[in-house]
Amino acid sequence: MSTDLKTTDERTGLLKKNRMNWTKFRYPDKLKNLPAIVRSKAIEIGNILLKDKHMEEDIVVVAAVSKAKAWAAERGLPTEVKEQDENYYVVSFVW
């Protein structure tokens, strides 16, 4: 999902991109499979990079995910979502 809005620069008359902040509800698709805590940190880092560094969004996504995973690993937090075992079933019982 791109978070770019296109507007015209008043000085030059050329199109420019205004980036919208990432939120916990609106963020790039590449963040969707991260654990919530890592995704939250990646969103925080991504917003800083987009605002202060004026980097392209594709590069920001990779950098934010990498830094967020490193942050989580330093704290002993999971950096990947664990896939469910194929032999794992949830069974509900009615008594």
Protein backbone atom coordinates (compact mmCIF):
# COMPACT_ATOMS: atom_id res chain seq x y z
CA MET A 1 0.00 0.00 0.00
CA SER A 2 1.49 3.32 -0.96
CA THR A 3 1.04 6.19 1.46
CA ASP A 4 1.90 8.94 -1.03
CA LEU A 5 -0.38 11.82 -1.92
CA LYS A 6 0.45 13.90 -4.96
CA THR A 7 0.16 17.68 -4.82
CA THR A 8 1.60 20.54 -6.84
CA ASP A 9 4.56 22.51 -5.51
CA GLU A 10 3.44 26.16 -5.47
CA ARG A 11 6.92 27.46 -6.29
CA THR A 12 7.80 25.17 -9.21
CA GLY A 13 4.39 24.01 -10.38
CA LEU A 14 5.69 20.40 -10.40
CA LEU A 15 4.01 17.45 -8.77
CA LYS A 16 5.44 16.51 -5.41
CA LYS A 17 4.70 13.69 -3.01
CA ASN A 18 3.35 14.28 0.46
CA ARG A 19 3.73 11.17 2.54
CA MET A 20 1.12 10.24 5.08
CA ASN A 21 2.26 8.88 8.43
CA TRP A 22 1.99 5.16 8.95
CA THR A 23 -0.39 4.13 11.71
CA LYS A 24 -1.33 0.84 13.35
CA PHE A 25 -4.22 0.67 10.88
CA ARG A 26 -2.47 2.04 7.78
CA TYR A 27 1.02 0.74 7.03
CA PRO A 28 2.86 -0.98 4.15
CA ASP A 29 1.83 -4.56 3.38
CA LYS A 30 5.33 -5.83 4.12
CA LEU A 31 4.75 -5.11 7.83
CA LYS A 32 1.58 -7.18 8.15
CA ASN A 33 3.29 -10.48 9.06
CA LEU A 34 5.40 -9.04 11.86
CA PRO A 35 4.53 -9.56 15.53
CA ALA A 36 2.49 -6.59 16.80
CA ILE A 37 5.30 -5.19 18.98
CA VAL A 38 7.81 -5.35 16.11
CA ARG A 39 5.30 -3.86 13.66
CA SER A 40 4.61 -1.01 16.10
CA LYS A 41 8.33 -0.24 16.40
CA ALA A 42 8.77 -0.49 12.60
CA ILE A 43 5.93 2.02 12.16
CA GLU A 44 7.59 4.37 14.63
CA ILE A 45 10.98 4.06 12.92
CA GLY A 46 9.44 4.32 9.44
CA ASN A 47 7.66 7.57 10.27
CA ILE A 48 10.92 9.09 11.53
CA LEU A 49 12.80 8.04 8.39
CA LEU A 50 10.07 9.30 6.06
CA LYS A 51 9.94 12.66 7.82
CA ASP A 52 13.57 13.37 8.62
CA LYS A 53 15.56 11.52 5.97
CA HIS A 54 13.30 12.06 2.93
CA MET A 55 13.98 8.48 1.82
CA GLU A 56 11.98 6.48 -0.72
CA GLU A 57 9.26 4.40 0.92
CA ASP A 58 10.58 1.04 -0.36
CA ILE A 59 13.94 1.70 1.28
CA VAL A 60 12.26 2.96 4.45
CA VAL A 61 10.24 -0.27 4.77
CA VAL A 62 13.36 -2.45 4.60
CA ALA A 63 15.30 -0.26 7.01
CA ALA A 64 12.41 0.04 9.49
CA VAL A 65 11.79 -3.73 9.56
CA SER A 66 15.49 -4.46 9.97
CA LYS A 67 15.92 -1.99 12.83
CA ALA A 68 12.67 -3.06 14.54
CA LYS A 69 13.71 -6.73 14.42
CA ALA A 70 17.13 -5.84 15.87
CA TRP A 71 15.41 -3.82 18.61
CA ALA A 72 13.15 -6.78 19.46
CA ALA A 73 16.01 -9.30 19.40
CA GLU A 74 18.03 -7.17 21.84
CA ARG A 75 15.10 -7.42 24.25
CA GLY A 76 14.48 -11.13 23.75
CA LEU A 77 11.18 -10.51 21.97
CA PRO A 78 9.98 -12.62 19.03
CA THR A 79 10.91 -11.19 15.64
CA GLU A 80 8.78 -13.50 13.49
CA VAL A 81 5.21 -14.74 13.73
CA LYS A 82 5.25 -18.46 14.39
CA GLU A 83 3.31 -20.56 11.94
CA GLN A 84 0.81 -22.96 13.42
CA ASP A 85 1.79 -26.61 13.32
CA GLU A 86 -0.25 -28.57 10.78
CA ASN A 87 -1.10 -31.10 13.48
CA TYR A 88 -2.40 -28.47 15.88
CA TYR A 89 -6.17 -28.32 16.22
CA VAL A 90 -8.46 -26.28 18.39
CA VAL A 91 -11.46 -28.28 19.57
CA SER A 92 -14.25 -26.78 21.58
CA PHE A 93 -16.23 -28.90 23.95
CA VAL A 94 -19.78 -28.36 25.10
CA TRP A 95 -20.53 -29.86 28.52
